[in-house]
């Protein structure tokens, strides 16, 4: 028996849940779990259905196409671990958290490789038997450096690329190569404090909470669809360095939670917003 996940995104209409579930029944598929949501402002319907049985993907999708409204999107994906390549610079906390959760089975993920523009985290990856590739940016144009990184990424054919504190701005060409497949952790509660040194920005503004945001990467810096966020409280005793230290715990937990949601196919992207089934 196989397990797959049916993802439906379409204009809202009467009877959609009944139509979809009846087609699943027709194909003798068992529904393990079902979640649905209607965006009334956009008139859009979203549904995530975990299925078990013997699948004929082509026939099932054809039956759905006949039943769903025009403009519908539907995908049938295998349940189970997804393959990722992680990009890093020098900070270890986000990468270390992912490695530990993968090792302990707390995160269903296949880490194919880690790529860094420094070799600072090579030893950490070696402890988990994860291949590490150093691609220095020194002396290279941004496009040249990214081309070398892309060659390594593509050699592993990942489902997603994860930026675990990768402190380089990506070019539109790089982003276009992996549409809605690049996940970033930003050390700020977006949309506040976009760009570099957000903890210094937060300190200078005198904020009382700081946070982190995991989002899909687009051409607009730190403005892609948000997957997960969280905050912690700070006070006047925190300088920018103390804020950054406290923020690392938020960053790693937010990134790991976002990865779990995305890898379990719980995130729908619609425009610059997301629908997240938790």
Protein backbone atom coordinates (compact mmCIF):
# COMPACT_ATOMS: atom_id res chain seq x y z
CA UNK A 1 0.00 0.00 0.00
CA UNK A 2 1.31 3.42 -0.96
CA UNK A 3 0.81 6.71 0.86
CA UNK A 4 0.44 9.92 -1.11
CA UNK A 5 -0.79 13.45 -0.53
CA UNK A 6 -3.32 15.14 -2.79
CA UNK A 7 -3.02 18.94 -2.89
CA UNK A 8 -5.93 20.86 -4.40
CA UNK A 9 -6.02 24.62 -5.01
CA UNK A 10 -8.92 26.00 -7.03
CA UNK A 11 -11.66 28.63 -7.25
CA UNK A 12 -14.21 28.05 -4.51
CA UNK A 13 -17.46 26.33 -5.44
CA UNK A 14 -20.20 24.34 -3.77
CA UNK A 15 -19.60 20.67 -3.06
CA UNK A 16 -15.85 20.58 -3.64
CA UNK A 17 -15.07 18.46 -0.57
CA UNK A 18 -17.73 15.93 -1.56
CA UNK A 19 -16.52 15.79 -5.17
CA UNK A 20 -12.89 15.22 -4.22
CA UNK A 21 -13.57 12.66 -1.50
CA UNK A 22 -16.04 10.78 -3.71
CA UNK A 23 -13.38 10.47 -6.42
CA UNK A 24 -10.94 9.14 -3.82
CA UNK A 25 -13.60 6.60 -2.75
CA UNK A 26 -14.19 5.64 -6.39
CA UNK A 27 -10.47 4.81 -6.63
CA UNK A 28 -10.71 2.78 -3.41
CA UNK A 29 -8.31 5.08 -1.61
CA UNK A 30 -8.45 5.47 2.16
CA UNK A 31 -8.44 9.05 3.46
CA UNK A 32 -6.11 9.17 6.46
CA UNK A 33 -6.40 12.92 7.10
CA UNK A 34 -8.08 15.85 5.42
CA UNK A 35 -7.68 19.63 5.86
CA UNK A 36 -9.42 22.38 3.94
CA UNK A 37 -9.62 26.17 3.93
CA UNK A 38 -11.53 28.80 1.96
CA UNK A 39 -10.04 32.25 1.38
CA UNK A 40 -13.29 34.18 1.08
CA UNK A 41 -11.60 37.39 -0.03
CA UNK A 42 -9.93 35.66 -2.98
CA UNK A 43 -12.69 33.09 -3.49
CA UNK A 44 -10.09 30.33 -3.35
CA UNK A 45 -10.34 26.77 -1.96
CA UNK A 46 -7.40 24.80 -0.58
CA UNK A 47 -7.43 21.15 0.46
CA UNK A 48 -4.76 18.73 1.63
CA UNK A 49 -5.70 15.04 1.65
CA UNK A 50 -3.51 12.20 2.94
CA UNK A 51 -4.35 9.01 1.05
CA UNK A 52 -3.46 5.35 1.28
CA UNK A 53 -4.06 2.59 -1.25
CA UNK A 54 -3.14 1.48 -4.75
CA UNK A 55 -2.79 4.48 -7.01
CA UNK A 56 -3.38 5.05 -10.69
CA UNK A 57 -2.14 8.63 -10.74
CA UNK A 58 -3.09 9.44 -14.31
CA UNK A 59 -6.69 8.27 -13.98
CA UNK A 60 -7.17 9.85 -10.56
CA UNK A 61 -5.90 13.24 -11.73
CA UNK A 62 -8.00 13.03 -14.91
CA UNK A 63 -11.14 12.40 -12.82
CA UNK A 64 -10.26 15.38 -10.63
CA UNK A 65 -9.78 17.60 -13.68
CA UNK A 66 -13.28 16.69 -14.86
CA UNK A 67 -14.79 17.53 -11.47
CA UNK A 68 -12.90 20.66 -10.42
CA UNK A 69 -13.63 24.24 -11.56
CA UNK A 70 -11.65 25.83 -14.35
CA UNK A 71 -8.36 27.23 -13.09
CA UNK A 72 -7.82 24.42 -10.60
CA UNK A 73 -4.41 23.15 -9.60
CA UNK A 74 -3.98 19.64 -8.24
CA UNK A 75 -0.88 17.64 -7.34
CA UNK A 76 -0.38 14.11 -6.11
CA UNK A 77 2.93 13.68 -4.27
CA UNK A 78 4.54 10.80 -2.44
CA UNK A 79 4.59 10.97 1.33
CA UNK A 80 7.95 10.64 3.03
CA UNK A 81 11.32 12.33 3.30
CA UNK A 82 12.28 15.06 0.85
CA UNK A 83 15.82 15.67 -0.37
CA UNK A 84 17.52 19.00 0.40
CA UNK A 85 20.81 20.78 -0.12
CA UNK A 86 21.71 23.31 2.57
CA UNK A 87 23.70 26.50 1.96
CA UNK A 88 25.66 28.02 4.85
CA UNK A 89 28.26 30.65 5.67
CA UNK A 90 29.82 30.50 9.17
CA UNK A 91 27.03 30.34 11.77
CA UNK A 92 26.35 26.83 13.06
CA UNK A 93 23.12 27.05 15.08
CA UNK A 94 20.55 26.58 12.31
CA UNK A 95 22.54 23.90 10.47
CA UNK A 96 23.33 22.12 13.73
CA UNK A 97 19.67 22.02 14.72
CA UNK A 98 18.66 20.50 11.37
CA UNK A 99 21.46 17.93 11.53
CA UNK A 100 20.51 16.87 15.05
CA UNK A 101 16.79 16.62 14.30
CA UNK A 102 17.49 14.63 11.15
CA UNK A 103 19.83 12.31 13.07
CA UNK A 104 17.26 11.81 15.85
CA UNK A 105 14.39 11.24 13.41
CA UNK A 106 12.57 14.36 14.63
CA UNK A 107 12.68 15.83 11.11
CA UNK A 108 11.85 13.61 8.13
CA UNK A 109 14.50 14.94 5.77
CA UNK A 110 17.28 13.64 3.54
CA UNK A 111 20.23 16.02 3.70
CA UNK A 112 22.05 15.35 0.44
CA UNK A 113 24.86 17.87 1.01
CA UNK A 114 25.88 21.15 2.59
CA UNK A 115 27.59 23.92 0.60
CA UNK A 116 29.44 26.79 2.23
CA UNK A 117 31.29 29.81 0.93
CA UNK A 118 33.68 29.17 3.85
CA UNK A 119 34.84 25.83 5.26
CA UNK A 120 33.94 26.78 8.84
CA UNK A 121 31.16 24.18 9.15
CA UNK A 122 32.84 21.30 7.31
CA UNK A 123 33.90 19.59 10.55
CA UNK A 124 30.35 19.77 11.93
CA UNK A 125 28.94 18.10 8.81
CA UNK A 126 31.65 15.45 8.99
CA UNK A 127 30.38 14.38 12.40
CA UNK A 128 27.09 13.43 10.72
CA UNK A 129 28.67 11.97 7.56
CA UNK A 130 27.09 14.69 5.40
CA UNK A 131 29.09 15.76 2.30
CA UNK A 132 30.37 19.33 2.59
CA UNK A 133 31.48 21.43 -0.39
CA UNK A 134 33.40 24.68 0.00
CA UNK A 135 32.82 27.14 -2.84
CA UNK A 136 34.70 30.31 -1.98
CA UNK A 137 33.34 33.56 -3.34
CA UNK A 138 36.74 35.24 -3.09
CA UNK A 139 37.89 36.67 -6.42
CA UNK A 140 34.68 35.67 -8.24
CA UNK A 141 31.84 37.70 -9.66
CA UNK A 142 28.53 36.86 -7.99
CA UNK A 143 27.25 35.12 -11.10
CA UNK A 144 30.42 33.03 -11.41
CA UNK A 145 30.20 31.96 -7.79
CA UNK A 146 26.54 31.05 -8.07
CA UNK A 147 27.16 29.03 -11.21
CA UNK A 148 29.64 26.87 -9.31
CA UNK A 149 27.18 26.46 -6.44
CA UNK A 150 24.37 25.56 -8.84
CA UNK A 151 26.46 22.85 -10.48
CA UNK A 152 26.90 21.15 -7.13
CA UNK A 153 23.25 21.59 -6.14
CA UNK A 154 21.99 20.18 -9.43
CA UNK A 155 24.25 17.17 -9.07
CA UNK A 156 22.21 16.17 -6.01
CA UNK A 157 18.76 16.86 -7.61
CA UNK A 158 17.20 18.17 -4.39
CA UNK A 159 13.54 18.89 -3.80
CA UNK A 160 14.46 22.07 -1.89
CA UNK A 161 17.42 24.36 -1.24
CA UNK A 162 17.68 25.61 2.35
CA UNK A 163 19.51 28.79 3.32
CA UNK A 164 20.63 28.12 6.90
CA UNK A 165 22.13 31.55 7.63
CA UNK A 166 23.64 31.80 4.15
CA UNK A 167 24.70 35.43 4.24
CA UNK A 168 24.72 36.23 0.54
CA UNK A 169 22.03 37.89 -1.57
CA UNK A 170 21.00 35.63 -4.45
CA UNK A 171 20.69 36.87 -8.01
CA UNK A 172 17.36 36.65 -9.90
CA UNK A 173 18.93 33.99 -12.14
CA UNK A 174 19.69 31.76 -9.15
CA UNK A 175 16.20 32.22 -7.70
CA UNK A 176 14.58 31.49 -11.07
CA UNK A 177 16.43 28.17 -11.25
CA UNK A 178 14.59 26.93 -8.14
CA UNK A 179 11.13 28.57 -8.15
CA UNK A 180 9.41 28.24 -4.76
CA UNK A 181 12.10 25.74 -3.81
CA UNK A 182 14.43 27.99 -1.79
CA UNK A 183 13.67 28.38 1.92
CA UNK A 184 15.41 31.09 3.93
CA UNK A 185 15.59 31.98 7.63
CA UNK A 186 15.65 35.73 8.23
CA UNK A 187 16.73 36.97 11.65
CA UNK A 188 13.85 39.40 12.01
CA UNK A 189 10.08 39.36 12.37
CA UNK A 190 9.29 40.40 8.80
CA UNK A 191 8.20 42.77 7.35
CA UNK A 192 10.15 44.75 9.98
CA UNK A 193 13.91 45.24 9.67
CA UNK A 194 14.50 43.91 6.16
CA UNK A 195 18.06 43.45 4.94
CA UNK A 196 21.35 43.47 6.79
CA UNK A 197 21.99 43.77 10.55
CA UNK A 198 18.35 43.52 11.66
CA UNK A 199 19.28 43.13 15.35
CA UNK A 200 21.11 46.44 15.24
CA UNK A 201 18.07 47.95 13.53
CA UNK A 202 15.86 46.50 16.26
CA UNK A 203 18.14 47.78 19.02
CA UNK A 204 18.22 51.26 17.53
CA UNK A 205 14.43 51.24 17.34
CA UNK A 206 14.10 50.15 20.98
CA UNK A 207 11.83 47.18 20.27
CA UNK A 208 10.45 44.97 23.06
CA UNK A 209 10.17 41.82 20.97
CA UNK A 210 12.50 40.26 18.42
CA UNK A 211 11.77 37.37 16.13
CA UNK A 212 12.63 35.28 13.12
CA UNK A 213 10.87 34.50 9.85
CA UNK A 214 11.19 31.53 7.51
CA UNK A 215 10.04 32.29 3.98
CA UNK A 216 10.34 31.25 0.37
CA UNK A 217 12.91 33.27 -1.55
CA UNK A 218 11.85 35.59 -4.36
CA UNK A 219 13.59 38.38 -6.26
CA UNK A 220 12.35 40.87 -3.65
CA UNK A 221 14.80 40.76 -0.74
CA UNK A 222 13.22 39.20 2.38
CA UNK A 223 9.72 39.66 0.98
CA UNK A 224 8.85 36.15 -0.22
CA UNK A 225 5.80 34.19 1.04
CA UNK A 226 6.08 33.61 4.79
CA UNK A 227 6.00 30.04 6.08
CA UNK A 228 6.62 30.38 9.84
CA UNK A 229 7.42 33.08 12.41
CA UNK A 230 8.03 33.44 16.14
CA UNK A 231 9.12 36.07 18.66
CA UNK A 232 10.66 36.42 22.11
CA UNK A 233 10.56 39.34 24.54
CA UNK A 234 13.54 41.59 25.20
CA UNK A 235 14.01 44.74 27.27
CA UNK A 236 16.23 47.78 27.71
CA UNK A 237 19.07 45.65 29.10
CA UNK A 238 19.62 43.94 25.72
CA UNK A 239 22.16 45.52 23.41
CA UNK A 240 22.38 44.49 19.74
CA UNK A 241 24.81 41.64 20.52
CA UNK A 242 22.58 40.25 23.29
CA UNK A 243 19.59 40.45 20.99
CA UNK A 244 21.46 38.52 18.32
CA UNK A 245 22.46 35.84 20.85
CA UNK A 246 18.88 35.45 22.10
CA UNK A 247 17.58 35.46 18.55
CA UNK A 248 19.61 32.41 17.52
CA UNK A 249 17.30 30.08 19.45
CA UNK A 250 14.28 31.57 17.68
CA UNK A 251 15.95 31.34 14.29
CA UNK A 252 16.78 27.65 14.53
CA UNK A 253 13.37 26.63 15.85
CA UNK A 254 11.50 28.67 13.25
CA UNK A 255 13.57 27.23 10.40
CA UNK A 256 13.11 23.65 11.60
CA UNK A 257 9.35 24.10 12.00
CA UNK A 258 9.11 25.67 8.56
CA UNK A 259 11.04 22.79 7.01
CA UNK A 260 8.74 20.26 8.66
CA UNK A 261 5.69 22.06 7.27
CA UNK A 262 7.08 22.34 3.76
CA UNK A 263 8.53 18.83 3.59
CA UNK A 264 5.21 17.37 4.76
CA UNK A 265 3.42 19.28 1.98
CA UNK A 266 1.45 21.43 4.42
CA UNK A 267 2.14 24.76 2.71
CA UNK A 268 0.22 26.23 -0.23
CA UNK A 269 1.61 29.35 -1.90
CA UNK A 270 -0.92 31.73 -3.42
CA UNK A 271 0.49 34.99 -4.70
CA UNK A 272 2.74 36.35 -1.97
CA UNK A 273 0.83 34.63 0.84
CA UNK A 274 0.68 31.10 2.17
CA UNK A 275 -1.96 28.77 3.51
CA UNK A 276 -0.36 26.53 6.15
CA UNK A 277 -2.08 23.44 7.56
CA UNK A 278 -0.52 22.58 10.93
